[in-house]
Protein backbone atom coordinates (compact mmCIF):
# COMPACT_ATOMS: atom_id res chain seq x y z
CA UNK A 1 -21.70 -66.65 19.92
CA UNK A 2 -19.11 -69.16 18.72
CA UNK A 3 -21.28 -69.96 15.70
CA UNK A 4 -21.45 -66.27 14.80
CA UNK A 5 -17.66 -65.89 15.10
CA UNK A 6 -17.13 -69.00 12.97
CA UNK A 7 -19.45 -67.69 10.27
CA UNK A 8 -17.75 -64.27 10.28
CA UNK A 9 -14.28 -65.78 9.81
CA UNK A 10 -15.62 -68.18 7.20
CA UNK A 11 -17.02 -65.26 5.20
CA UNK A 12 -13.73 -63.37 5.57
CA UNK A 13 -11.75 -66.38 4.32
CA UNK A 14 -14.06 -66.83 1.34
CA UNK A 15 -13.82 -63.13 0.49
CA UNK A 16 -10.02 -63.22 0.74
CA UNK A 17 -9.85 -66.29 -1.49
CA UNK A 18 -12.12 -64.73 -4.08
CA UNK A 19 -10.16 -61.46 -4.00
CA UNK A 20 -6.77 -63.15 -4.46
CA UNK A 21 -8.06 -65.50 -7.16
CA UNK A 22 -9.79 -62.67 -9.02
CA UNK A 23 -6.63 -60.57 -8.92
CA UNK A 24 -4.57 -63.45 -10.31
CA UNK A 25 -7.01 -64.16 -13.13
CA UNK A 26 -7.31 -60.45 -13.93
CA UNK A 27 -3.54 -60.12 -14.25
CA UNK A 28 -3.33 -63.22 -16.45
CA UNK A 29 -6.25 -62.04 -18.60
CA UNK A 30 -4.71 -58.59 -19.09
CA UNK A 31 -1.33 -60.00 -20.08
CA UNK A 32 -2.71 -62.63 -22.43
CA UNK A 33 -5.28 -60.34 -24.05
CA UNK A 34 -2.54 -57.86 -24.94
CA UNK A 35 0.25 -60.31 -25.72
CA UNK A 36 -1.22 -63.36 -27.42
CA UNK A 37 -1.95 -61.41 -30.61
CA UNK A 38 1.74 -60.55 -30.92
CA UNK A 39 3.06 -63.98 -30.00
CA UNK A 40 4.09 -66.04 -33.01
CA UNK A 41 6.99 -68.23 -34.14
CA UNK A 42 9.06 -65.29 -35.35
CA UNK A 43 8.63 -63.59 -31.98
CA UNK A 44 10.20 -66.51 -30.08
CA UNK A 45 12.76 -67.58 -32.70
CA UNK A 46 14.36 -64.26 -33.72
CA UNK A 47 16.36 -61.55 -31.99
CA UNK A 48 15.31 -57.87 -32.25
CA UNK A 49 16.12 -56.22 -35.55
CA UNK A 50 17.35 -52.64 -35.55
CA UNK A 51 17.60 -52.28 -31.78
CA UNK A 52 15.42 -53.51 -28.93
CA UNK A 53 14.06 -49.99 -28.26
CA UNK A 54 13.47 -48.68 -31.79
CA UNK A 55 13.63 -51.71 -34.11
CA UNK A 56 10.22 -52.77 -35.42
CA UNK A 57 11.23 -56.26 -36.54
CA UNK A 58 12.47 -59.40 -34.85
CA UNK A 59 11.54 -61.08 -31.62
CA UNK A 60 12.62 -61.87 -28.07
CA UNK A 61 14.83 -64.93 -28.50
CA UNK A 62 17.77 -63.09 -26.96
CA UNK A 63 15.75 -62.38 -23.81
CA UNK A 64 14.50 -65.97 -23.55
CA UNK A 65 17.99 -67.47 -23.90
CA UNK A 66 19.53 -64.86 -21.60
CA UNK A 67 16.93 -65.55 -18.90
CA UNK A 68 17.55 -69.29 -19.10
CA UNK A 69 21.33 -68.82 -18.95
CA UNK A 70 21.13 -66.64 -15.85
CA UNK A 71 18.43 -68.67 -14.11
CA UNK A 72 19.94 -72.11 -14.68
CA UNK A 73 23.43 -70.88 -13.83
CA UNK A 74 22.36 -69.12 -10.64
CA UNK A 75 20.21 -72.07 -9.50
CA UNK A 76 23.05 -74.57 -9.93
CA UNK A 77 25.52 -72.24 -8.23
CA UNK A 78 23.05 -71.56 -5.45
CA UNK A 79 22.58 -75.29 -4.82
CA UNK A 80 26.34 -75.78 -4.49
CA UNK A 81 26.34 -73.22 -1.68
CA UNK A 82 22.97 -73.97 -0.07
CA UNK A 83 23.06 -77.76 0.34
CA UNK A 84 26.23 -77.84 2.50
CA UNK A 85 24.83 -75.05 4.70
CA UNK A 86 21.54 -76.89 5.21
CA UNK A 87 23.29 -80.19 5.94
CA UNK A 88 25.57 -78.56 8.48
CA UNK A 89 22.89 -76.75 10.50
CA UNK A 90 20.63 -79.84 10.55
CA UNK A 91 23.07 -82.75 10.85
CA UNK A 92 26.45 -81.55 12.09
CA UNK A 93 25.44 -78.67 14.35
CA UNK A 94 23.75 -79.40 17.67
CA UNK A 95 19.99 -78.94 17.88
CA UNK A 96 19.09 -75.31 18.62
CA UNK A 97 22.76 -74.39 18.82
CA UNK A 98 23.73 -70.74 18.67
CA UNK A 99 25.41 -71.19 15.29
CA UNK A 100 22.37 -72.91 13.74
CA UNK A 101 19.96 -70.33 15.14
CA UNK A 102 22.06 -67.34 14.05
CA UNK A 103 22.44 -68.88 10.59
CA UNK A 104 18.68 -69.26 10.23
CA UNK A 105 18.13 -65.72 11.50
CA UNK A 106 20.70 -64.37 9.02
CA UNK A 107 19.01 -66.06 6.10
CA UNK A 108 15.59 -64.89 7.27
CA UNK A 109 16.93 -61.33 7.12
CA UNK A 110 18.56 -61.89 3.74
CA UNK A 111 15.30 -63.42 2.48
CA UNK A 112 13.48 -60.16 3.21
CA UNK A 113 15.97 -57.85 1.50
CA UNK A 114 14.52 -56.36 -1.74
CA UNK A 115 16.08 -57.61 -4.96
CA UNK A 116 17.10 -54.08 -5.97
CA UNK A 117 19.46 -54.08 -2.98
CA UNK A 118 21.12 -57.23 -4.29
CA UNK A 119 21.40 -55.53 -7.67
CA UNK A 120 23.03 -52.47 -6.13
CA UNK A 121 25.38 -54.69 -4.10
CA UNK A 122 26.36 -56.63 -7.23
CA UNK A 123 26.92 -53.38 -9.10
CA UNK A 124 29.13 -52.05 -6.29
CA UNK A 125 31.25 -55.20 -6.47
CA UNK A 126 31.51 -54.84 -10.25
CA UNK A 127 32.69 -51.24 -9.95
CA UNK A 128 35.23 -52.18 -7.25
CA UNK A 129 36.64 -55.02 -9.36
CA UNK A 130 36.51 -53.07 -12.61
CA UNK A 131 34.01 -55.42 -14.25
CA UNK A 132 31.36 -54.53 -16.81
CA UNK A 133 27.76 -55.67 -17.14
CA UNK A 134 27.86 -59.30 -18.18
CA UNK A 135 26.24 -62.70 -17.98
CA UNK A 136 28.62 -63.71 -15.18
CA UNK A 137 27.76 -60.65 -13.09
CA UNK A 138 24.06 -61.38 -13.53
CA UNK A 139 24.49 -65.03 -12.50
CA UNK A 140 26.47 -64.13 -9.38
CA UNK A 141 24.02 -61.44 -8.28
CA UNK A 142 20.95 -63.62 -8.82
CA UNK A 143 22.71 -66.44 -6.97
CA UNK A 144 23.15 -64.18 -3.95
CA UNK A 145 19.45 -63.36 -4.09
CA UNK A 146 18.15 -66.95 -4.29
CA UNK A 147 20.53 -68.58 -1.79
CA UNK A 148 18.37 -67.42 1.18
CA UNK A 149 15.29 -68.86 -0.58
CA UNK A 150 17.00 -72.20 -1.15
CA UNK A 151 18.46 -72.42 2.36
CA UNK A 152 15.27 -71.56 4.24
CA UNK A 153 13.01 -73.72 2.03
CA UNK A 154 15.33 -76.75 2.18
CA UNK A 155 15.91 -76.21 5.90
CA UNK A 156 12.17 -76.39 6.56
CA UNK A 157 11.89 -79.51 4.38
CA UNK A 158 14.66 -81.29 6.31
CA UNK A 159 13.34 -80.24 9.73
CA UNK A 160 10.08 -82.00 8.91
CA UNK A 161 11.95 -85.33 8.87
CA UNK A 162 11.17 -87.06 12.21
CA UNK A 163 13.94 -86.87 14.78
CA UNK A 164 13.34 -90.52 15.64
CA UNK A 165 14.39 -91.52 12.15
CA UNK A 166 17.72 -89.72 12.55
CA UNK A 167 18.28 -91.36 15.92
CA UNK A 168 17.46 -94.76 14.44
CA UNK A 169 20.05 -94.24 11.72
CA UNK A 170 22.66 -93.23 14.29
CA UNK A 171 21.75 -96.28 16.38
CA UNK A 172 22.61 -98.52 13.43
CA UNK A 173 26.12 -97.09 13.43
CA UNK A 174 25.78 -94.70 10.51
CA UNK A 175 28.06 -91.70 10.26
CA UNK A 176 26.78 -88.14 10.00
CA UNK A 177 27.58 -88.17 6.28
CA UNK A 178 25.51 -91.32 5.75
CA UNK A 179 22.73 -89.85 7.87
CA UNK A 180 22.78 -86.68 5.77
CA UNK A 181 22.26 -88.72 2.58
CA UNK A 182 19.26 -90.52 4.09
CA UNK A 183 17.73 -87.28 5.38
CA UNK A 184 18.20 -85.58 2.02
CA UNK A 185 16.54 -88.53 0.32
CA UNK A 186 13.54 -88.21 2.61
CA UNK A 187 13.39 -84.47 1.93
CA UNK A 188 13.47 -84.71 -1.88
CA UNK A 189 9.90 -83.35 -2.41
CA UNK A 190 10.61 -80.24 -0.37
CA UNK A 191 14.06 -79.76 -1.89
CA UNK A 192 12.71 -80.07 -5.42
CA UNK A 193 9.97 -77.56 -4.62
CA UNK A 194 12.59 -75.16 -3.22
CA UNK A 195 14.61 -75.45 -6.44
CA UNK A 196 11.62 -74.72 -8.66
CA UNK A 197 10.48 -71.80 -6.49
CA UNK A 198 13.94 -70.24 -6.59
CA UNK A 199 14.06 -70.85 -10.33
CA UNK A 200 10.76 -69.01 -10.75
CA UNK A 201 11.95 -66.12 -8.56
CA UNK A 202 15.21 -65.86 -10.49
CA UNK A 203 13.66 -65.85 -13.96
CA UNK A 204 11.04 -63.25 -13.05
CA UNK A 205 13.24 -60.68 -11.30
CA UNK A 206 14.22 -57.48 -13.08
CA UNK A 207 15.78 -55.30 -10.36
CA UNK A 208 18.52 -57.78 -9.55
CA UNK A 209 19.90 -57.87 -13.12
CA UNK A 210 19.16 -54.26 -14.05
CA UNK A 211 22.66 -53.03 -13.12
CA UNK A 212 24.58 -56.27 -13.55
CA UNK A 213 23.52 -58.29 -16.60
CA UNK A 214 22.83 -55.32 -18.86
CA UNK A 215 20.81 -55.65 -22.06
CA UNK A 216 21.71 -56.59 -25.61
CA UNK A 217 20.07 -57.56 -28.90
CA UNK A 218 22.43 -60.52 -29.24
CA UNK A 219 22.59 -63.91 -27.58
CA UNK A 220 25.66 -64.04 -25.28
CA UNK A 221 28.35 -66.52 -26.28
CA UNK A 222 30.63 -66.00 -23.27
CA UNK A 223 30.32 -65.08 -19.60
CA UNK A 224 31.82 -61.60 -20.09
CA UNK A 225 29.14 -60.47 -22.55
CA UNK A 226 25.92 -58.67 -21.50
CA UNK A 227 22.71 -60.70 -21.50
CA UNK A 228 19.10 -59.72 -22.07
CA UNK A 229 16.35 -61.10 -19.82
CA UNK A 230 12.59 -61.31 -20.18
CA UNK A 231 11.80 -58.94 -17.26
CA UNK A 232 14.17 -56.28 -18.60
CA UNK A 233 12.82 -56.83 -22.10
CA UNK A 234 9.36 -55.97 -20.79
CA UNK A 235 10.69 -53.02 -18.78
CA UNK A 236 12.65 -51.40 -21.61
CA UNK A 237 10.45 -52.16 -24.61
CA UNK A 238 7.16 -51.24 -23.00
CA UNK A 239 8.44 -47.68 -22.58
CA UNK A 240 9.13 -47.37 -26.32
CA UNK A 241 6.83 -45.09 -28.34
CA UNK A 242 6.82 -47.60 -31.22
CA UNK A 243 3.88 -50.01 -31.20
CA UNK A 244 5.82 -52.94 -32.68
CA UNK A 245 8.35 -52.67 -29.87
CA UNK A 246 5.58 -52.56 -27.26
CA UNK A 247 4.10 -55.69 -28.84
CA UNK A 248 7.40 -57.47 -28.19
CA UNK A 249 7.14 -56.43 -24.54
CA UNK A 250 3.66 -57.90 -24.23
CA UNK A 251 4.80 -61.08 -25.98
CA UNK A 252 7.69 -61.32 -23.51
CA UNK A 253 5.21 -60.90 -20.66
CA UNK A 254 3.14 -63.81 -21.99
CA UNK A 255 6.20 -66.05 -22.33
CA UNK A 256 7.41 -65.16 -18.83
CA UNK A 257 3.96 -65.76 -17.34
CA UNK A 258 3.67 -69.14 -19.04
CA UNK A 259 7.10 -70.18 -17.75
CA UNK A 260 6.24 -69.15 -14.18
CA UNK A 261 2.87 -70.92 -14.34
CA UNK A 262 4.50 -74.09 -15.67
CA UNK A 263 7.11 -73.98 -12.90
CA UNK A 264 4.46 -73.50 -10.20
CA UNK A 265 2.21 -76.30 -11.49
CA UNK A 266 5.17 -78.64 -12.05
CA UNK A 267 6.44 -78.03 -8.52
CA UNK A 268 3.03 -78.91 -7.12
CA UNK A 269 2.62 -82.07 -9.20
CA UNK A 270 6.16 -83.43 -8.75
CA UNK A 271 6.22 -82.65 -5.03
CA UNK A 272 2.95 -84.55 -4.59
CA UNK A 273 4.19 -87.55 -6.58
CA UNK A 274 7.53 -87.66 -4.79
CA UNK A 275 5.79 -87.46 -1.42
CA UNK A 276 3.80 -90.59 -2.31
CA UNK A 277 6.79 -92.55 -3.60
CA UNK A 278 9.64 -91.53 -1.31
CA UNK A 279 11.26 -94.25 0.72
């Protein structure tokens, strides 16, 4: 009987793996088969000519640069907020204290909120403060979305550090601040993975920046200017009736997919190497 149950679950696991893998490869094949033909140097080195929705010439450079601006800015800002929170609930707060538990619960809830809700929240703040769609608004809204990802991922990475190691550091007379530095050093693989995962989530999200960052044919030169992103470039240009504009959307999809794949593979490789070499 046990052998039969084991074989049934083994078959189910194999079927699930094949289904997920096939879906992934099918998505990648569809995107690349439609977009690779349109992807060339002009596509990634020029901005749209004549309007992103009706212009037949140009490329997606504005969307690439805008995505990098928003993603890098929001990731750095998110780290400034997330690291102190994680250090506090793991080093300064008592184990299983009410404050630590309620903080983790709060970020679990925030983690599950759809990105469109963050976009609507950011838009409401913009309206209240009299702001317009801009690069700064996009960075702030995306930061709010990825902070729960950073906090929960880094929290899990730090909690893996053995409690005996923390006690040993305290026994040597180290302060909580010195202990926090040692714990963070031991958690570098998990922290780096959390950063890359949040980076990938930020660069691939469209709903969060739909109402806040706006869209433009130009590359923003200041924080108060609107910024194009690759997800919105795909969203807007794919709905155009002009084939050349749709080709830009498919090219943007290829670029975005490549970036996300590189981030995922890099996170895996670096995390593995850091795990071997951490001290």
